[in-house]
Protein backbone atom coordinates (compact mmCIF):
# COMPACT_ATOMS: atom_id res chain seq x y z
CA MET A 1 -2.95 -10.37 42.19
CA ALA A 2 -4.83 -7.32 40.94
CA ALA A 3 -5.76 -7.24 37.28
CA LEU A 4 -3.62 -5.06 35.02
CA ASN A 5 -5.32 -1.97 33.68
CA ILE A 6 -4.87 -0.50 30.21
CA LYS A 7 -2.16 1.98 31.22
CA GLU A 8 -0.14 -0.62 33.07
CA ILE A 9 -0.14 -3.20 30.29
CA LEU A 10 0.66 -0.56 27.68
CA ASP A 11 3.65 0.68 29.69
CA LYS A 12 4.93 -2.87 30.13
CA THR A 13 4.49 -3.60 26.43
CA VAL A 14 6.24 -0.43 25.28
CA ASP A 15 9.19 -1.28 27.51
CA PHE A 16 9.25 -4.85 26.16
CA PHE A 17 9.14 -3.64 22.55
CA LYS A 18 11.90 -1.08 23.13
CA LYS A 19 14.17 -3.77 24.55
CA ALA A 20 13.41 -5.86 21.45
CA ASP A 21 14.39 -2.88 19.22
CA ILE A 22 10.94 -2.61 17.69
CA PRO A 23 10.43 0.83 16.13
CA GLN A 24 7.26 2.76 16.95
CA SER A 25 6.97 0.79 20.18
CA ARG A 26 4.12 2.81 21.67
CA LEU A 27 2.16 3.07 18.44
CA ASP A 28 2.39 -0.69 17.88
CA ALA A 29 1.38 -1.44 21.47
CA GLU A 30 -1.61 0.88 21.25
CA VAL A 31 -2.81 -0.34 17.84
CA LEU A 32 -2.70 -3.97 18.94
CA LEU A 33 -4.52 -3.33 22.22
CA ALA A 34 -7.14 -1.03 20.71
CA ASP A 35 -7.95 -3.60 18.03
CA LEU A 36 -8.17 -6.40 20.60
CA LEU A 37 -10.54 -4.36 22.77
CA GLY A 38 -12.58 -3.11 19.81
CA MET A 39 -12.00 0.58 20.46
CA GLU A 40 -10.30 3.54 18.83
CA ARG A 41 -6.73 4.27 19.97
CA ILE A 42 -7.78 7.61 21.46
CA ASN A 43 -10.22 5.77 23.74
CA LEU A 44 -7.38 3.87 25.38
CA TYR A 45 -6.42 7.11 27.11
CA VAL A 46 -9.96 7.76 28.27
CA ASN A 47 -10.05 4.23 29.73
CA PHE A 48 -6.54 4.02 31.23
CA ASP A 49 -7.92 2.68 34.54
CA ARG A 50 -10.06 -0.02 32.96
CA PRO A 51 -8.90 -3.45 34.23
CA LEU A 52 -8.29 -6.17 31.65
CA LYS A 53 -9.87 -9.58 31.87
CA GLU A 54 -7.55 -12.56 32.10
CA GLU A 55 -8.45 -13.75 28.61
CA GLU A 56 -7.76 -10.27 27.18
CA VAL A 57 -4.30 -10.26 28.75
CA ASP A 58 -3.61 -13.74 27.35
CA GLN A 59 -4.70 -12.74 23.84
CA TYR A 60 -2.66 -9.53 24.02
CA ARG A 61 0.46 -11.41 25.10
CA LYS A 62 0.14 -13.71 22.09
CA LEU A 63 -0.02 -10.67 19.81
CA ILE A 64 2.99 -9.11 21.53
CA LEU A 65 5.08 -12.24 20.99
CA LYS A 66 4.10 -12.40 17.31
CA ARG A 67 5.08 -8.74 16.91
CA LYS A 68 8.45 -9.47 18.52
CA GLN A 69 8.93 -12.26 15.96
CA GLY A 70 8.71 -9.64 13.21
CA ILE A 71 5.13 -10.05 12.07
CA PRO A 72 3.87 -6.61 10.98
CA VAL A 73 1.12 -5.01 13.03
CA ALA A 74 -1.07 -4.69 9.93
CA TYR A 75 -1.07 -8.47 9.51
CA LEU A 76 -1.88 -8.98 13.18
CA VAL A 77 -4.92 -6.70 13.06
CA ASP A 78 -5.79 -7.54 9.42
CA LYS A 79 -6.04 -3.90 8.37
CA LYS A 80 -4.09 -0.77 7.48
CA GLU A 81 -5.18 2.84 7.10
CA PHE A 82 -4.37 4.45 3.74
CA MET A 83 -5.62 7.83 2.48
CA GLY A 84 -7.87 7.99 5.54
CA LEU A 85 -9.57 4.72 4.56
CA ASP A 86 -9.32 1.35 6.31
CA PHE A 87 -8.09 -1.45 4.06
CA GLN A 88 -8.21 -5.13 4.87
CA VAL A 89 -4.80 -6.76 4.44
CA SER A 90 -3.42 -10.27 4.69
CA ASP A 91 0.00 -11.81 4.22
CA ASP A 92 -0.96 -12.28 0.55
CA VAL A 93 -0.61 -8.54 -0.12
CA LEU A 94 1.91 -5.77 0.35
CA ILE A 95 0.99 -3.53 3.27
CA PRO A 96 -0.06 -0.07 1.95
CA ARG A 97 2.54 2.52 2.92
CA PRO A 98 2.25 6.25 3.65
CA GLU A 99 4.68 7.15 0.84
CA THR A 100 2.35 5.55 -1.71
CA GLU A 101 -0.31 8.09 -0.72
CA HIS A 102 1.77 10.63 -2.63
CA LEU A 103 1.17 8.72 -5.88
CA VAL A 104 -2.59 8.76 -5.23
CA GLU A 105 -2.53 12.48 -4.41
CA ILE A 106 -0.73 13.27 -7.68
CA VAL A 107 -3.27 11.28 -9.70
CA LEU A 108 -6.17 12.98 -7.91
CA GLU A 109 -4.56 16.34 -8.61
CA ARG A 110 -4.26 15.55 -12.33
CA ILE A 111 -7.86 14.35 -12.47
CA ALA A 112 -9.12 17.52 -10.78
CA LYS A 113 -7.24 19.77 -13.22
CA SER A 114 -8.36 17.89 -16.35
CA ASP A 115 -11.25 18.91 -18.59
CA LEU A 116 -12.35 15.27 -18.75
CA GLU A 117 -15.30 14.23 -16.60
CA GLN A 118 -14.63 10.49 -16.76
CA PHE A 119 -11.38 8.56 -16.43
CA GLU A 120 -10.46 5.00 -17.25
CA ILE A 121 -7.62 4.02 -14.93
CA ALA A 122 -5.66 0.77 -14.58
CA ASP A 123 -3.63 -0.16 -11.50
CA ILE A 124 -0.93 -2.72 -12.31
CA GLY A 125 -0.05 -5.03 -9.40
CA THR A 126 -3.00 -3.81 -7.38
CA GLY A 127 -2.42 -5.97 -4.27
CA SER A 128 -4.93 -4.88 -1.65
CA GLY A 129 -6.45 -2.45 -4.16
CA ALA A 130 -5.42 0.53 -2.04
CA ILE A 131 -4.34 2.74 -4.94
CA ILE A 132 -7.22 2.26 -7.39
CA ILE A 133 -9.88 2.08 -4.67
CA SER A 134 -8.63 5.31 -3.06
CA ILE A 135 -8.69 7.06 -6.44
CA ALA A 136 -12.22 5.83 -7.15
CA LYS A 137 -13.40 6.78 -3.67
CA LEU A 138 -11.81 10.22 -3.46
CA ALA A 139 -11.89 11.58 -7.02
CA GLU A 140 -14.62 14.12 -7.69
CA LYS A 141 -15.12 12.82 -11.21
CA THR A 142 -16.37 9.52 -12.63
CA ILE A 143 -13.79 6.75 -12.39
CA LYS A 144 -13.87 3.47 -14.28
CA GLY A 145 -11.12 1.55 -12.56
CA LEU A 146 -9.33 -1.70 -13.27
CA GLY A 147 -7.08 -3.46 -10.76
CA ILE A 148 -4.78 -6.17 -12.10
CA ASP A 149 -2.73 -8.71 -10.19
CA ILE A 150 -1.08 -12.04 -10.95
CA SER A 151 -1.98 -13.25 -7.45
CA GLU A 152 -5.55 -14.53 -7.16
CA ALA A 153 -5.26 -14.37 -3.36
CA SER A 154 -4.46 -10.65 -3.61
CA LEU A 155 -7.46 -10.05 -5.86
CA LYS A 156 -9.78 -11.59 -3.28
CA VAL A 157 -8.51 -9.09 -0.72
CA ALA A 158 -8.88 -6.21 -3.20
CA GLN A 159 -12.42 -7.23 -4.13
CA GLU A 160 -13.41 -7.35 -0.48
CA ASN A 161 -11.94 -3.89 0.07
CA ALA A 162 -13.86 -2.51 -2.92
CA LYS A 163 -17.04 -3.98 -1.52
CA ARG A 164 -16.44 -2.64 2.00
CA LEU A 165 -15.59 0.82 0.70
CA ALA A 166 -18.57 0.87 -1.68
CA VAL A 167 -16.73 1.22 -4.99
CA SER A 168 -17.44 -2.23 -6.48
CA GLU A 169 -19.45 -0.64 -9.28
CA GLN A 170 -16.55 1.66 -10.17
CA VAL A 171 -13.63 -0.76 -9.91
CA GLU A 172 -13.22 -4.13 -11.61
CA PHE A 173 -10.45 -6.59 -10.80
CA LYS A 174 -8.80 -8.98 -13.23
CA HIS A 175 -6.28 -11.77 -12.84
CA GLY A 176 -3.32 -11.60 -15.18
CA ASP A 177 0.28 -10.62 -15.84
CA LEU A 178 0.92 -6.87 -15.82
CA LEU A 179 -0.98 -5.12 -18.66
CA THR A 180 -2.24 -8.24 -20.44
CA PRO A 181 -5.84 -8.07 -19.11
CA ILE A 182 -6.34 -4.47 -20.34
CA GLU A 183 -8.80 -4.54 -23.26
CA ASP A 184 -9.74 -0.87 -23.68
CA LYS A 185 -7.18 1.93 -23.78
CA MET A 186 -6.71 3.84 -20.54
CA ASP A 187 -6.50 7.52 -19.66
CA ILE A 188 -4.13 6.72 -16.78
CA ILE A 189 -2.04 3.69 -15.85
CA VAL A 190 -0.59 3.62 -12.34
CA SER A 191 1.72 1.14 -10.69
CA ASN A 192 3.72 0.59 -7.53
CA PRO A 193 5.62 -2.41 -8.91
CA PRO A 194 8.14 -4.63 -7.10
CA TYR A 195 11.38 -2.62 -7.06
CA ILE A 196 13.76 -4.22 -4.57
CA PRO A 197 16.90 -5.59 -6.32
CA SER A 198 17.02 -9.38 -5.88
CA ASP A 199 20.34 -9.38 -4.04
CA GLU A 200 18.95 -6.94 -1.44
CA MET A 201 15.93 -9.06 -0.51
CA ASP A 202 17.76 -10.82 2.34
CA ASP A 203 18.82 -7.47 3.81
CA LEU A 204 15.28 -6.14 4.23
CA GLN A 205 13.93 -5.46 7.71
CA GLN A 206 12.58 -8.57 9.39
CA GLU A 207 8.97 -7.41 9.18
CA VAL A 208 9.25 -6.48 5.49
CA GLN A 209 10.52 -9.99 4.82
CA GLN A 210 7.13 -11.25 6.04
CA GLU A 211 5.50 -9.63 3.01
CA PRO A 212 5.12 -11.56 -0.28
CA ASP A 213 8.32 -11.76 -2.38
CA LEU A 214 6.16 -11.41 -5.48
CA ALA A 215 5.32 -7.85 -4.40
CA LEU A 216 8.91 -6.88 -3.57
CA ASP A 217 11.49 -8.52 -5.85
CA GLY A 218 12.16 -6.30 -8.85
CA GLY A 219 14.87 -8.40 -10.47
CA SER A 220 18.64 -7.96 -10.59
CA ASP A 221 18.58 -4.14 -10.60
CA GLY A 222 15.05 -3.63 -9.29
CA LEU A 223 13.84 -2.25 -12.63
CA ASP A 224 12.47 -5.35 -14.39
CA TYR A 225 8.81 -4.42 -13.98
CA TYR A 226 9.35 -0.78 -14.96
CA ARG A 227 10.87 -1.93 -18.26
CA LYS A 228 7.96 -4.28 -18.96
CA ILE A 229 5.25 -1.78 -18.03
CA ILE A 230 6.89 1.10 -19.93
CA LYS A 231 7.08 -1.04 -23.06
CA GLY A 232 3.58 -2.49 -22.75
CA ALA A 233 1.79 0.71 -21.76
CA LYS A 234 2.40 2.28 -25.17
CA ASP A 235 -0.38 0.13 -26.65
CA LYS A 236 -2.66 0.47 -23.63
CA LEU A 237 -2.79 4.25 -23.17
CA LYS A 238 -5.02 6.69 -25.01
CA GLN A 239 -3.35 9.53 -26.88
CA ASP A 240 -1.53 11.73 -24.36
CA GLY A 241 -2.41 9.19 -21.64
CA LEU A 242 -0.60 9.33 -18.31
CA LEU A 243 1.71 6.69 -16.82
CA VAL A 244 2.49 7.09 -13.10
CA PHE A 245 4.98 5.04 -11.07
CA GLU A 246 6.07 4.86 -7.48
CA VAL A 247 9.82 4.25 -7.43
CA GLY A 248 12.35 3.15 -4.84
CA ILE A 249 15.01 5.40 -3.35
CA LYS A 250 17.57 6.48 -5.99
CA GLN A 251 15.57 4.90 -8.83
CA SER A 252 13.81 8.02 -10.15
CA GLN A 253 16.47 9.04 -12.65
CA GLU A 254 16.88 5.53 -14.03
CA VAL A 255 13.13 5.16 -14.51
CA SER A 256 12.97 8.65 -16.08
CA THR A 257 15.69 7.65 -18.55
CA LEU A 258 13.79 4.46 -19.45
CA LEU A 259 10.67 6.52 -20.17
CA LYS A 260 12.49 9.07 -22.32
CA LYS A 261 14.27 6.38 -24.34
CA SER A 262 10.90 4.73 -24.98
CA GLY A 263 9.41 7.90 -26.45
CA TYR A 264 7.41 9.21 -23.48
CA ALA A 265 7.06 12.96 -23.03
CA ASN A 266 6.69 15.40 -20.12
CA VAL A 267 8.66 13.11 -17.81
CA LYS A 268 8.47 14.51 -14.28
CA VAL A 269 9.77 13.44 -10.88
CA ARG A 270 7.91 14.33 -7.70
CA GLU A 271 9.20 14.16 -4.15
CA ASP A 272 7.26 12.79 -1.19
CA TYR A 273 6.94 14.64 2.11
CA SER A 274 10.33 13.30 3.22
CA GLU A 275 11.87 14.98 0.14
CA ILE A 276 12.62 11.60 -1.43
CA GLU A 277 12.06 11.34 -5.19
CA ARG A 278 9.13 8.95 -5.00
CA VAL A 279 6.89 9.33 -8.06
CA VAL A 280 7.75 9.45 -11.78
CA LEU A 281 5.09 10.33 -14.33
CA ALA A 282 4.99 10.82 -18.09
CA ASN A 283 2.64 11.11 -21.07
CA TYR A 284 2.59 8.98 -24.18
């Protein structure tokens, strides 16, 4: 039997994924194969006729079956692109999502427009470090960053990402609960906290359920962590400091109300590129 080439095995995999109701069937098939073969996705097309070795086919089939079982592609390839940067991920951290890039873009925009040349920024619940590392890497001003997480396993991933992306001297990571580890007052505090209501956790997509509950469960109404951070940030922000949140769908107005009732000013809601109210920011 002739060996399968790249095009043939991709076509078979896409068909298999579609029958299994896996979204983004072709993208997933290509990402898994490109990673296995150690090439960029675009190079799959240049090498469509390249025959696969038996061991490559066997390894690919194992990945395909794991994907069918609901394991996210990012966990299978141990990485996820965010803000044009490659981040290492593991099942100890939330997978960075495209909608969170909007939060980073808003912070970068505020930094660029400010008269300040240096910013002290804390990222609460940093996970893989994607938010604070991206800010440190992409801002055109000096960033002194602090990533905080209650999960020591997450912090190991974040520290490795900072090292790989050459921002270890700009970003420090601390273990602790929410804002507790912050010693010096911050110019900006950012957070993408857990915001799924507890009773909706079992209804999440199968692959999202593979991600750590600690990074998803936001309490009975999904707002527990917003309340805690809003209250605690008052003592951790410099005068007129900025607090920036990512929020879940239909949570923007509730979070805005919490901020206003706690004495924050200039409360604004920003939509993502899907026109979903995704980011809430305010000064204190």
